[in-house]
Amino acid sequence: MAGRLSEYQILVTGTNGFLGRRLVHHLLAEDAYVVGLDLAPLPLNFEELKPDKGTLIHRVGDVNSAELAEQALKEVEGGGRSYSALFHLSGLTHVGKCTDNPLMAFDANVVQVGRMLEACRNNRLSRVIYPSTALVYGDHSPSLLTEDNRTLPRTVYAGTKLAAEAVIQGYAGSYSFSCDIARLSNVYGSDANPDTAVNTALRQARQGGPIRLTNPNPQRDFIYCEDVVAGLIRLLTSGQEPGCRIFNLSTGKATSIGQMAKMVCRIAGIKSEPIESGASDARKNSRLVLANERLVKRTRWSPVFTLEMGLRAAWEQMNG
């Protein structure tokens, strides 16, 4: 086992993102020393919400900049803590934007990973945590997927994430990096991508309903953002032996999009049932649910939020 978070100096890329802000908040609450990189500044209210413990240095600029990465890594070294690590959360996560501009997706999700790892190698930082996606498995498996199942990416986004995994595995093998890759199932939260199934349902509910679904039948493994952040942090402190390990970060529970939408209706007090508005297609009964036993065994992490608890928390944050 590695040390407590107060013994860590950590570089976080994508600090202004959906998961990045939450991760930084949790790291600071445990007195970690954090250097953040992002194209955008943190929200104006972040300082008000930031815990009194911990240290945060936030740098605004292009994560692809070798000069900025070198500067950030030098600042990480200045933390004076026992352990150093990188959480690489930066990248292009919108599936549609990746499809529309595959070269931009490749640069953001693959080339950028290589640049950051090389900067880490030059500065003797070898501990890396990387969030990948369940979509590397495809989205049409009738069984619970484990990390040993074959990968079958069906989108440019999933393909770039799988390619990034390969780059990380290469660095672990060639340079004795200690890397943990977390394949995230369907993450949701109040400020997640508005195009996701959960946030579409929440947004329509906030507008008074009804909730309109293109397809209520696909089954997904919905996991609340706070559980994801907790799992990533547990991976960091679970050990730092050389090599690359892959974990599913998921609930292991299947819920159809229609069932999820009905929960949102109950939480929002909408009496009408969700309405199916899309035409059926070959992917109508797609299923993507991940087993999480490997992660639980290594870290003793387990999700705290049921789907209803997470949806209720997201709803309250959206309307708070």
C-alpha atoms as a PDB file:
ATOM      1  CA  MET A   1       0.000   0.000   0.000  1.00  0.00           C
ATOM      2  CA  ALA A   2       1.106   3.564  -0.709  1.00  0.00           C
ATOM      3  CA  GLY A   3       0.746   6.430   1.723  1.00  0.00           C
ATOM      4  CA  ARG A   4      -2.052   8.744   2.780  1.00  0.00           C
ATOM      5  CA  LEU A   5      -3.128  11.509   0.405  1.00  0.00           C
ATOM      6  CA  SER A   6      -1.393  14.062   2.622  1.00  0.00           C
ATOM      7  CA  GLU A   7       1.872  12.404   1.538  1.00  0.00           C
ATOM      8  CA  TYR A   8       1.169  13.023  -2.172  1.00  0.00           C
ATOM      9  CA  GLN A   9       2.097  15.726  -4.656  1.00  0.00           C
ATOM     10  CA  ILE A  10      -0.175  15.283  -7.660  1.00  0.00           C
ATOM     11  CA  LEU A  11      -0.504  16.676 -11.165  1.00  0.00           C
ATOM     12  CA  VAL A  12      -4.107  16.705 -12.413  1.00  0.00           C
ATOM     13  CA  THR A  13      -4.824  17.524 -16.056  1.00  0.00           C
ATOM     14  CA  GLY A  14      -8.351  18.553 -16.962  1.00  0.00           C
ATOM     15  CA  THR A  15      -8.939  20.174 -13.575  1.00  0.00           C
ATOM     16  CA  ASN A  16     -11.858  22.227 -14.885  1.00  0.00           C
ATOM     17  CA  GLY A  17     -13.712  19.183 -16.216  1.00  0.00           C
ATOM     18  CA  PHE A  18     -16.708  17.320 -14.873  1.00  0.00           C
ATOM     19  CA  LEU A  19     -14.605  14.813 -12.892  1.00  0.00           C
ATOM     20  CA  GLY A  20     -11.524  17.022 -12.542  1.00  0.00           C
ATOM     21  CA  ARG A  21     -13.128  19.602 -10.270  1.00  0.00           C
ATOM     22  CA  ARG A  22     -14.497  16.910  -7.991  1.00  0.00           C
ATOM     23  CA  LEU A  23     -11.222  15.032  -7.885  1.00  0.00           C
ATOM     24  CA  VAL A  24      -9.262  18.151  -6.954  1.00  0.00           C
ATOM     25  CA  HIS A  25     -11.769  18.986  -4.231  1.00  0.00           C
ATOM     26  CA  HIS A  26     -11.405  15.521  -2.667  1.00  0.00           C
ATOM     27  CA  LEU A  27      -7.608  15.560  -2.911  1.00  0.00           C
ATOM     28  CA  LEU A  28      -7.411  18.933  -1.196  1.00  0.00           C
ATOM     29  CA  ALA A  29      -9.800  17.804   1.525  1.00  0.00           C
ATOM     30  CA  GLU A  30      -7.238  15.129   2.410  1.00  0.00           C
ATOM     31  CA  ASP A  31      -4.368  17.659   2.452  1.00  0.00           C
ATOM     32  CA  ALA A  32      -2.748  16.664  -0.847  1.00  0.00           C
ATOM     33  CA  TYR A  33      -0.491  19.023  -2.789  1.00  0.00           C
ATOM     34  CA  VAL A  34      -2.112  19.504  -6.219  1.00  0.00           C
ATOM     35  CA  VAL A  35      -0.927  21.154  -9.416  1.00  0.00           C
ATOM     36  CA  GLY A  36      -3.681  21.501 -11.997  1.00  0.00           C
ATOM     37  CA  LEU A  37      -3.554  22.030 -15.762  1.00  0.00           C
ATOM     38  CA  ASP A  38      -6.478  23.052 -17.942  1.00  0.00           C
ATOM     39  CA  LEU A  39      -7.331  25.257 -20.905  1.00  0.00           C
ATOM     40  CA  ALA A  40      -9.815  27.133 -18.719  1.00  0.00           C
ATOM     41  CA  PRO A  41      -9.610  28.661 -15.240  1.00  0.00           C
ATOM     42  CA  LEU A  42     -11.463  27.032 -12.391  1.00  0.00           C
ATOM     43  CA  PRO A  43     -15.000  28.335 -11.709  1.00  0.00           C
ATOM     44  CA  LEU A  44     -15.204  31.587  -9.767  1.00  0.00           C
ATOM     45  CA  ASN A  45     -16.901  29.837  -6.858  1.00  0.00           C
ATOM     46  CA  PHE A  46     -14.249  27.101  -6.579  1.00  0.00           C
ATOM     47  CA  GLU A  47     -12.205  29.022  -4.007  1.00  0.00           C
ATOM     48  CA  GLU A  48     -15.309  29.366  -1.850  1.00  0.00           C
ATOM     49  CA  LEU A  49     -15.945  25.623  -2.049  1.00  0.00           C
ATOM     50  CA  LYS A  50     -12.293  24.570  -1.750  1.00  0.00           C
ATOM     51  CA  PRO A  51     -11.395  22.908   1.568  1.00  0.00           C
ATOM     52  CA  ASP A  52      -9.015  24.789   3.851  1.00  0.00           C
ATOM     53  CA  LYS A  53      -6.594  21.854   3.788  1.00  0.00           C
ATOM     54  CA  GLY A  54      -4.232  21.002   0.958  1.00  0.00           C
ATOM     55  CA  THR A  55      -2.413  23.178  -1.580  1.00  0.00           C
ATOM     56  CA  LEU A  56      -3.596  23.977  -5.103  1.00  0.00           C
ATOM     57  CA  ILE A  57      -1.600  25.567  -7.905  1.00  0.00           C
ATOM     58  CA  HIS A  58      -3.734  25.912 -11.048  1.00  0.00           C
ATOM     59  CA  ARG A  59      -2.120  26.659 -14.405  1.00  0.00           C
ATOM     60  CA  VAL A  60      -4.197  27.729 -17.405  1.00  0.00           C
ATOM     61  CA  GLY A  61      -2.941  26.736 -20.830  1.00  0.00           C
ATOM     62  CA  ASP A  62      -2.737  24.030 -23.472  1.00  0.00           C
ATOM     63  CA  VAL A  63      -1.974  20.641 -21.942  1.00  0.00           C
ATOM     64  CA  ASN A  64      -0.177  19.790 -25.206  1.00  0.00           C
ATOM     65  CA  SER A  65       2.446  22.452 -24.448  1.00  0.00           C
ATOM     66  CA  ALA A  66       5.712  20.747 -23.509  1.00  0.00           C
ATOM     67  CA  GLU A  67       6.846  23.937 -21.769  1.00  0.00           C
ATOM     68  CA  LEU A  68       3.694  24.119 -19.635  1.00  0.00           C
ATOM     69  CA  ALA A  69       3.907  20.415 -18.749  1.00  0.00           C
ATOM     70  CA  GLU A  70       7.553  20.795 -17.722  1.00  0.00           C
ATOM     71  CA  GLN A  71       6.691  23.822 -15.591  1.00  0.00           C
ATOM     72  CA  ALA A  72       3.839  21.970 -13.897  1.00  0.00           C
ATOM     73  CA  LEU A  73       5.984  18.929 -13.166  1.00  0.00           C
ATOM     74  CA  LYS A  74       8.681  21.131 -11.653  1.00  0.00           C
ATOM     75  CA  GLU A  75       5.990  22.635  -9.410  1.00  0.00           C
ATOM     76  CA  VAL A  76       4.878  19.120  -8.441  1.00  0.00           C
ATOM     77  CA  GLU A  77       8.444  18.351  -7.360  1.00  0.00           C
ATOM     78  CA  GLY A  78       8.325  21.446  -5.155  1.00  0.00           C
ATOM     79  CA  GLY A  79       5.571  19.969  -3.020  1.00  0.00           C
ATOM     80  CA  GLY A  80       8.040  18.199  -0.758  1.00  0.00           C
ATOM     81  CA  ARG A  81       5.801  15.156  -0.333  1.00  0.00           C
ATOM     82  CA  SER A  82       6.832  11.492  -0.311  1.00  0.00           C
ATOM     83  CA  TYR A  83       4.902  10.348  -3.399  1.00  0.00           C
ATOM     84  CA  SER A  84       4.270  11.870  -6.842  1.00  0.00           C
ATOM     85  CA  ALA A  85       1.485  10.969  -9.277  1.00  0.00           C
ATOM     86  CA  LEU A  86      -0.384  12.055 -12.398  1.00  0.00           C
ATOM     87  CA  PHE A  87      -4.148  11.913 -12.905  1.00  0.00           C
ATOM     88  CA  HIS A  88      -4.568  12.463 -16.654  1.00  0.00           C
ATOM     89  CA  LEU A  89      -8.190  13.532 -17.108  1.00  0.00           C
ATOM     90  CA  SER A  90      -7.685  15.906 -20.019  1.00  0.00           C
ATOM     91  CA  GLY A  91      -9.008  14.954 -23.451  1.00  0.00           C
ATOM     92  CA  LEU A  92     -12.005  15.039 -25.774  1.00  0.00           C
ATOM     93  CA  THR A  93     -14.794  13.024 -24.163  1.00  0.00           C
ATOM     94  CA  HIS A  94     -17.786  13.962 -26.324  1.00  0.00           C
ATOM     95  CA  VAL A  95     -18.532  10.979 -28.576  1.00  0.00           C
ATOM     96  CA  GLY A  96     -20.207  13.108 -31.244  1.00  0.00           C
ATOM     97  CA  LYS A  97     -17.365  15.626 -31.443  1.00  0.00           C
ATOM     98  CA  CYS A  98     -14.861  12.784 -31.777  1.00  0.00           C
ATOM     99  CA  THR A  99     -16.917  11.354 -34.648  1.00  0.00           C
ATOM    100  CA  ASP A 100     -17.119  14.733 -36.371  1.00  0.00           C
ATOM    101  CA  ASN A 101     -13.396  15.428 -36.029  1.00  0.00           C
ATOM    102  CA  PRO A 102     -11.396  12.197 -35.646  1.00  0.00           C
ATOM    103  CA  LEU A 103      -7.998  13.846 -36.101  1.00  0.00           C
ATOM    104  CA  MET A 104      -8.737  16.273 -33.280  1.00  0.00           C
ATOM    105  CA  ALA A 105      -9.888  13.309 -31.162  1.00  0.00           C
ATOM    106  CA  PHE A 106      -6.699  11.392 -31.924  1.00  0.00           C
ATOM    107  CA  ASP A 107      -4.568  14.370 -30.960  1.00  0.00           C
ATOM    108  CA  ALA A 108      -6.500  15.068 -27.757  1.00  0.00           C
ATOM    109  CA  ASN A 109      -6.905  11.480 -26.585  1.00  0.00           C
ATOM    110  CA  VAL A 110      -3.799   9.678 -27.844  1.00  0.00           C
ATOM    111  CA  VAL A 111      -1.000  12.061 -28.800  1.00  0.00           C
ATOM    112  CA  GLN A 112      -1.590  14.157 -25.691  1.00  0.00           C
ATOM    113  CA  VAL A 113      -1.247  11.057 -23.513  1.00  0.00           C
ATOM    114  CA  GLY A 114       2.123  10.296 -25.092  1.00  0.00           C
ATOM    115  CA  ARG A 115       3.307  13.863 -24.577  1.00  0.00           C
ATOM    116  CA  MET A 116       2.322  13.840 -20.903  1.00  0.00           C
ATOM    117  CA  LEU A 117       3.947  10.469 -20.262  1.00  0.00           C
ATOM    118  CA  GLU A 118       7.151  11.621 -21.932  1.00  0.00           C
ATOM    119  CA  ALA A 119       7.184  14.767 -19.801  1.00  0.00           C
ATOM    120  CA  CYS A 120       6.680  12.555 -16.747  1.00  0.00           C
ATOM    121  CA  ARG A 121       9.561  10.299 -17.825  1.00  0.00           C
ATOM    122  CA  ASN A 122      11.843  13.306 -18.238  1.00  0.00           C
ATOM    123  CA  ASN A 123      10.934  14.442 -14.719  1.00  0.00           C
ATOM    124  CA  ARG A 124      11.055  11.016 -13.057  1.00  0.00           C
ATOM    125  CA  LEU A 125       7.363  10.831 -12.294  1.00  0.00           C
ATOM    126  CA  SER A 126       6.178   7.292 -12.998  1.00  0.00           C
ATOM    127  CA  ARG A 127       2.837   6.880 -11.165  1.00  0.00           C
ATOM    128  CA  VAL A 128      -0.157   7.390 -13.484  1.00  0.00           C
ATOM    129  CA  ILE A 129      -3.934   7.017 -13.055  1.00  0.00           C
ATOM    130  CA  TYR A 130      -5.932   7.182 -16.286  1.00  0.00           C
ATOM    131  CA  PRO A 131      -9.725   7.067 -16.732  1.00  0.00           C
ATOM    132  CA  SER A 132     -10.732   5.177 -19.867  1.00  0.00           C
ATOM    133  CA  THR A 133     -14.215   4.085 -20.937  1.00  0.00           C
ATOM    134  CA  ALA A 134     -16.446   1.019 -20.912  1.00  0.00           C
ATOM    135  CA  LEU A 135     -17.083   1.720 -24.595  1.00  0.00           C
ATOM    136  CA  VAL A 136     -13.818  -0.009 -25.489  1.00  0.00           C
ATOM    137  CA  TYR A 137     -15.839  -3.248 -25.098  1.00  0.00           C
ATOM    138  CA  GLY A 138     -18.485  -2.128 -27.591  1.00  0.00           C
ATOM    139  CA  ASP A 139     -22.067  -1.861 -26.365  1.00  0.00           C
ATOM    140  CA  HIS A 140     -23.733  -5.135 -27.191  1.00  0.00           C
ATOM    141  CA  SER A 141     -22.773  -7.820 -24.670  1.00  0.00           C
ATOM    142  CA  PRO A 142     -25.506  -9.943 -23.050  1.00  0.00           C
ATOM    143  CA  SER A 143     -23.171 -10.897 -20.192  1.00  0.00           C
ATOM    144  CA  LEU A 144     -21.375  -9.026 -17.438  1.00  0.00           C
ATOM    145  CA  LEU A 145     -18.065  -7.821 -18.872  1.00  0.00           C
ATOM    146  CA  THR A 146     -14.745  -8.370 -17.120  1.00  0.00           C
ATOM    147  CA  GLU A 147     -11.379  -6.870 -17.902  1.00  0.00           C
ATOM    148  CA  ASP A 148     -10.456 -10.100 -19.706  1.00  0.00           C
ATOM    149  CA  ASN A 149     -13.222  -9.725 -22.295  1.00  0.00           C
ATOM    150  CA  ARG A 150     -12.119  -8.731 -25.786  1.00  0.00           C
ATOM    151  CA  THR A 151     -12.294  -5.083 -26.734  1.00  0.00           C
ATOM    152  CA  LEU A 152     -14.435  -3.991 -29.675  1.00  0.00           C
ATOM    153  CA  PRO A 153     -14.601  -0.195 -29.927  1.00  0.00           C
ATOM    154  CA  ARG A 154     -17.368   0.985 -32.262  1.00  0.00           C
ATOM    155  CA  THR A 155     -16.734   4.727 -32.216  1.00  0.00           C
ATOM    156  CA  VAL A 156     -13.775   7.020 -32.842  1.00  0.00           C
ATOM    157  CA  TYR A 157     -13.944   8.073 -29.187  1.00  0.00           C
ATOM    158  CA  ALA A 158     -13.703   4.493 -27.897  1.00  0.00           C
ATOM    159  CA  GLY A 159     -10.943   3.739 -30.391  1.00  0.00           C
ATOM    160  CA  THR A 160      -8.819   6.658 -29.203  1.00  0.00           C
ATOM    161  CA  LYS A 161      -9.263   5.658 -25.568  1.00  0.00           C
ATOM    162  CA  LEU A 162      -8.180   2.109 -26.316  1.00  0.00           C
ATOM    163  CA  ALA A 163      -5.171   3.445 -28.244  1.00  0.00           C
ATOM    164  CA  ALA A 164      -4.268   5.613 -25.238  1.00  0.00           C
ATOM    165  CA  GLU A 165      -4.445   2.513 -23.042  1.00  0.00           C
ATOM    166  CA  ALA A 166      -1.905   0.842 -25.331  1.00  0.00           C
ATOM    167  CA  VAL A 167       0.444   3.837 -25.094  1.00  0.00           C
ATOM    168  CA  ILE A 168       0.259   3.703 -21.300  1.00  0.00           C
ATOM    169  CA  GLN A 169       0.918  -0.031 -21.288  1.00  0.00           C
ATOM    170  CA  GLY A 170       3.958   0.588 -23.475  1.00  0.00           C
ATOM    171  CA  TYR A 171       5.403   3.139 -21.067  1.00  0.00           C
ATOM    172  CA  ALA A 172       4.786   0.832 -18.129  1.00  0.00           C
ATOM    173  CA  GLY A 173       6.645  -1.969 -19.895  1.00  0.00           C
ATOM    174  CA  SER A 174       9.529   0.102 -21.266  1.00  0.00           C
ATOM    175  CA  TYR A 175      10.176   2.471 -18.363  1.00  0.00           C
ATOM    176  CA  SER A 176       8.804   0.669 -15.280  1.00  0.00           C
ATOM    177  CA  PHE A 177       5.915   3.104 -14.850  1.00  0.00           C
ATOM    178  CA  SER A 178       3.210   2.198 -12.347  1.00  0.00           C
ATOM    179  CA  CYS A 179      -0.078   2.745 -14.182  1.00  0.00           C
ATOM    180  CA  ASP A 180      -3.708   2.067 -13.340  1.00  0.00           C
ATOM    181  CA  ILE A 181      -6.334   2.341 -16.080  1.00  0.00           C
ATOM    182  CA  ALA A 182      -9.962   2.629 -14.962  1.00  0.00           C
ATOM    183  CA  ARG A 183     -12.609   1.791 -17.554  1.00  0.00           C
ATOM    184  CA  LEU A 184     -15.570   3.880 -16.411  1.00  0.00           C
ATOM    185  CA  SER A 185     -19.139   2.774 -16.971  1.00  0.00           C
ATOM    186  CA  ASN A 186     -21.885   5.374 -17.625  1.00  0.00           C
ATOM    187  CA  VAL A 187     -20.914   8.260 -15.345  1.00  0.00           C
ATOM    188  CA  TYR A 188     -23.560  10.823 -14.445  1.00  0.00           C
ATOM    189  CA  GLY A 189     -23.906  13.920 -12.301  1.00  0.00           C
ATOM    190  CA  SER A 190     -25.600  17.299 -12.292  1.00  0.00           C
ATOM    191  CA  ASP A 191     -23.062  18.938 -14.629  1.00  0.00           C
ATOM    192  CA  ALA A 192     -22.154  15.994 -16.849  1.00  0.00           C
ATOM    193  CA  ASN A 193     -22.387  16.183 -20.621  1.00  0.00           C
ATOM    194  CA  PRO A 194     -25.963  17.368 -21.334  1.00  0.00           C
ATOM    195  CA  ASP A 195     -26.258  14.892 -24.217  1.00  0.00           C
ATOM    196  CA  THR A 196     -26.024  11.810 -21.989  1.00  0.00           C
ATOM    197  CA  ALA A 197     -29.164   9.777 -21.317  1.00  0.00           C
ATOM    198  CA  VAL A 198     -29.286  10.713 -17.622  1.00  0.00           C
ATOM    199  CA  ASN A 199     -28.706  14.416 -18.124  1.00  0.00           C
ATOM    200  CA  THR A 200     -31.171  14.553 -20.995  1.00  0.00           C
ATOM    201  CA  ALA A 201     -33.807  13.068 -18.683  1.00  0.00           C
ATOM    202  CA  LEU A 202     -32.891  15.427 -15.832  1.00  0.00           C
ATOM    203  CA  ARG A 203     -32.969  18.462 -18.112  1.00  0.00           C
ATOM    204  CA  GLN A 204     -36.375  17.561 -19.547  1.00  0.00           C
ATOM    205  CA  ALA A 205     -37.696  16.931 -16.039  1.00  0.00           C
ATOM    206  CA  ARG A 206     -36.451  20.324 -14.925  1.00  0.00           C
ATOM    207  CA  GLN A 207     -38.412  21.843 -17.804  1.00  0.00           C
ATOM    208  CA  GLY A 208     -41.556  20.175 -16.463  1.00  0.00           C
ATOM    209  CA  GLY A 209     -41.562  17.095 -18.675  1.00  0.00           C
ATOM    210  CA  PRO A 210     -42.498  14.945 -20.325  1.00  0.00           C
ATOM    211  CA  ILE A 211     -39.283  12.965 -20.691  1.00  0.00           C
ATOM    212  CA  ARG A 212     -38.834  11.862 -24.297  1.00  0.00           C
ATOM    213  CA  LEU A 213     -36.590   8.901 -25.009  1.00  0.00           C
ATOM    214  CA  THR A 214     -35.143   7.949 -28.348  1.00  0.00           C
ATOM    215  CA  ASN A 215     -34.905   4.361 -27.116  1.00  0.00           C
ATOM    216  CA  PRO A 216     -35.797   3.147 -23.595  1.00  0.00           C
ATOM    217  CA  ASN A 217     -34.456  -0.394 -23.997  1.00  0.00           C
ATOM    218  CA  PRO A 218     -30.625  -0.242 -23.866  1.00  0.00           C
ATOM    219  CA  GLN A 219     -29.241  -1.411 -20.538  1.00  0.00           C
ATOM    220  CA  ARG A 220     -26.409   0.512 -18.969  1.00  0.00           C
ATOM    221  CA  ASP A 221     -24.286   0.505 -15.829  1.00  0.00           C
ATOM    222  CA  PHE A 222     -24.953   3.963 -14.359  1.00  0.00           C
ATOM    223  CA  ILE A 223     -22.423   5.175 -11.780  1.00  0.00           C
ATOM    224  CA  TYR A 224     -22.548   8.444  -9.853  1.00  0.00           C
ATOM    225  CA  CYS A 225     -19.611  10.831 -10.277  1.00  0.00           C
ATOM    226  CA  GLU A 226     -18.713  10.869  -6.567  1.00  0.00           C
ATOM    227  CA  ASP A 227     -18.305   7.081  -6.595  1.00  0.00           C
ATOM    228  CA  VAL A 228     -16.023   7.386  -9.633  1.00  0.00           C
ATOM    229  CA  VAL A 229     -13.778   9.931  -7.911  1.00  0.00           C
ATOM    230  CA  ALA A 230     -13.604   7.780  -4.790  1.00  0.00           C
ATOM    231  CA  GLY A 231     -12.603   4.780  -6.917  1.00  0.00           C
ATOM    232  CA  LEU A 232      -9.860   6.713  -8.719  1.00  0.00           C
ATOM    233  CA  ILE A 233      -8.413   7.900  -5.417  1.00  0.00           C
ATOM    234  CA  ARG A 234      -8.504   4.373  -3.994  1.00  0.00           C
ATOM    235  CA  LEU A 235      -6.526   3.189  -7.014  1.00  0.00           C
ATOM    236  CA  LEU A 236      -3.886   5.828  -6.347  1.00  0.00           C
ATOM    237  CA  THR A 237      -3.308   4.698  -2.771  1.00  0.00           C
ATOM    238  CA  SER A 238      -3.667   0.947  -3.400  1.00  0.00           C
ATOM    239  CA  GLY A 239      -0.043   0.442  -4.428  1.00  0.00           C
ATOM    240  CA  GLN A 240       2.578   1.662  -6.838  1.00  0.00           C
ATOM    241  CA  GLU A 241       4.384  -1.431  -8.077  1.00  0.00           C
ATOM    242  CA  PRO A 242       5.663  -1.241 -11.672  1.00  0.00           C
ATOM    243  CA  GLY A 243       3.357  -2.404 -14.455  1.00  0.00           C
ATOM    244  CA  CYS A 244       0.008  -1.506 -15.978  1.00  0.00           C
ATOM    245  CA  ARG A 245      -3.237  -2.721 -14.436  1.00  0.00           C
ATOM    246  CA  ILE A 246      -6.724  -2.378 -15.951  1.00  0.00           C
ATOM    247  CA  PHE A 247      -9.877  -2.152 -13.832  1.00  0.00           C
ATOM    248  CA  ASN A 248     -13.578  -1.707 -14.483  1.00  0.00           C
ATOM    249  CA  LEU A 249     -14.893   1.152 -12.356  1.00  0.00           C
ATOM    250  CA  SER A 250     -18.595   0.372 -12.302  1.00  0.00           C
ATOM    251  CA  THR A 251     -21.565  -0.761 -10.236  1.00  0.00           C
ATOM    252  CA  GLY A 252     -22.043  -4.105 -11.983  1.00  0.00           C
ATOM    253  CA  LYS A 253     -25.790  -3.456 -12.128  1.00  0.00           C
ATOM    254  CA  ALA A 254     -27.897  -3.202 -15.273  1.00  0.00           C
ATOM    255  CA  THR A 255     -30.637  -0.589 -15.600  1.00  0.00           C
ATOM    256  CA  SER A 256     -32.511   0.226 -18.774  1.00  0.00           C
ATOM    257  CA  ILE A 257     -32.695   3.812 -19.945  1.00  0.00           C
ATOM    258  CA  GLY A 258     -36.458   3.566 -19.561  1.00  0.00           C
ATOM    259  CA  GLN A 259     -36.172   2.477 -15.918  1.00  0.00           C
ATOM    260  CA  MET A 260     -33.741   5.305 -15.224  1.00  0.00           C
ATOM    261  CA  ALA A 261     -36.135   7.826 -16.780  1.00  0.00           C
ATOM    262  CA  LYS A 262     -39.010   6.563 -14.616  1.00  0.00           C
ATOM    263  CA  MET A 263     -36.852   7.128 -11.525  1.00  0.00           C
ATOM    264  CA  VAL A 264     -36.229  10.698 -12.673  1.00  0.00           C
ATOM    265  CA  CYS A 265     -39.989  11.191 -13.090  1.00  0.00           C
ATOM    266  CA  ARG A 266     -40.622  10.033  -9.520  1.00  0.00           C
ATOM    267  CA  ILE A 267     -37.859  12.226  -8.102  1.00  0.00           C
ATOM    268  CA  ALA A 268     -39.056  15.280 -10.058  1.00  0.00           C
ATOM    269  CA  GLY A 269     -42.728  14.666  -9.306  1.00  0.00           C
ATOM    270  CA  ILE A 270     -43.677  14.252 -12.971  1.00  0.00           C
ATOM    271  CA  LYS A 271     -46.823  12.178 -13.275  1.00  0.00           C
ATOM    272  CA  SER A 272     -46.607  11.370 -16.984  1.00  0.00           C
ATOM    273  CA  GLU A 273     -44.639   8.326 -18.127  1.00  0.00           C
ATOM    274  CA  PRO A 274     -41.532   8.731 -20.325  1.00  0.00           C
ATOM    275  CA  ILE A 275     -42.401   8.835 -24.018  1.00  0.00           C
ATOM    276  CA  GLU A 276     -40.544   6.812 -26.621  1.00  0.00           C
ATOM    277  CA  SER A 277     -39.941   9.118 -29.570  1.00  0.00           C
ATOM    278  CA  GLY A 278     -37.305   7.335 -31.642  1.00  0.00           C
ATOM    279  CA  ALA A 279     -37.440   4.670 -34.312  1.00  0.00           C
ATOM    280  CA  SER A 280     -36.170   1.185 -33.455  1.00  0.00           C
ATOM    281  CA  ASP A 281     -32.840   0.007 -34.857  1.00  0.00           C
ATOM    282  CA  ALA A 282     -30.418  -2.900 -34.669  1.00  0.00           C
ATOM    283  CA  ARG A 283     -28.948  -1.628 -31.395  1.00  0.00           C
ATOM    284  CA  LYS A 284     -32.346  -1.389 -29.696  1.00  0.00           C
ATOM    285  CA  ASN A 285     -31.515  -3.967 -27.034  1.00  0.00           C
ATOM    286  CA  SER A 286     -27.840  -3.101 -26.556  1.00  0.00           C
ATOM    287  CA  ARG A 287     -26.302  -3.799 -23.150  1.00  0.00           C
ATOM    288  CA  LEU A 288     -23.101  -2.578 -21.498  1.00  0.00           C
ATOM    289  CA  VAL A 289     -22.595  -3.631 -17.876  1.00  0.00           C
ATOM    290  CA  LEU A 290     -19.203  -4.141 -16.221  1.00  0.00           C
ATOM    291  CA  ALA A 291     -18.076  -6.443 -13.429  1.00  0.00           C
ATOM    292  CA  ASN A 292     -16.049  -4.608 -10.761  1.00  0.00           C
ATOM    293  CA  GLU A 293     -14.649  -7.493  -8.679  1.00  0.00           C
ATOM    294  CA  ARG A 294     -11.019  -6.848  -9.690  1.00  0.00           C
ATOM    295  CA  LEU A 295     -11.174  -3.245  -8.482  1.00  0.00           C
ATOM    296  CA  VAL A 296     -12.984  -4.183  -5.263  1.00  0.00           C
ATOM    297  CA  LYS A 297     -10.414  -6.873  -4.493  1.00  0.00           C
ATOM    298  CA  ARG A 298      -7.453  -4.537  -4.970  1.00  0.00           C
ATOM    299  CA  THR A 299      -8.800  -1.409  -3.283  1.00  0.00           C
ATOM    300  CA  ARG A 300     -11.778  -2.506  -1.124  1.00  0.00           C
ATOM    301  CA  TRP A 301     -13.722   0.265  -2.862  1.00  0.00           C
ATOM    302  CA  SER A 302     -17.405  -0.205  -3.552  1.00  0.00           C
ATOM    303  CA  PRO A 303     -20.032   2.234  -4.854  1.00  0.00           C
ATOM    304  CA  VAL A 304     -21.916   4.119  -2.157  1.00  0.00           C
ATOM    305  CA  PHE A 305     -24.705   5.599  -4.275  1.00  0.00           C
ATOM    306  CA  THR A 306     -27.588   3.566  -5.603  1.00  0.00           C
ATOM    307  CA  LEU A 307     -28.961   4.883  -8.885  1.00  0.00           C
ATOM    308  CA  GLU A 308     -31.912   6.498  -7.127  1.00  0.00           C
ATOM    309  CA  MET A 309     -29.621   8.137  -4.554  1.00  0.00           C
ATOM    310  CA  GLY A 310     -27.347   9.489  -7.275  1.00  0.00           C
ATOM    311  CA  LEU A 311     -30.213  10.760  -9.414  1.00  0.00           C
ATOM    312  CA  ARG A 312     -31.731  12.473  -6.395  1.00  0.00           C
ATOM    313  CA  ALA A 313     -28.396  14.106  -5.541  1.00  0.00           C
ATOM    314  CA  ALA A 314     -27.956  15.293  -9.136  1.00  0.00           C
ATOM    315  CA  TRP A 315     -31.513  16.619  -9.216  1.00  0.00           C
ATOM    316  CA  GLU A 316     -31.045  18.555  -5.992  1.00  0.00           C
ATOM    317  CA  GLN A 317     -27.775  20.062  -7.233  1.00  0.00           C
ATOM    318  CA  MET A 318     -29.397  21.130 -10.499  1.00  0.00           C
ATOM    319  CA  ASN A 319     -32.208  22.821  -8.616  1.00  0.00           C
ATOM    320  CA  GLY A 320     -30.290  24.058  -5.596  1.00  0.00           C
END
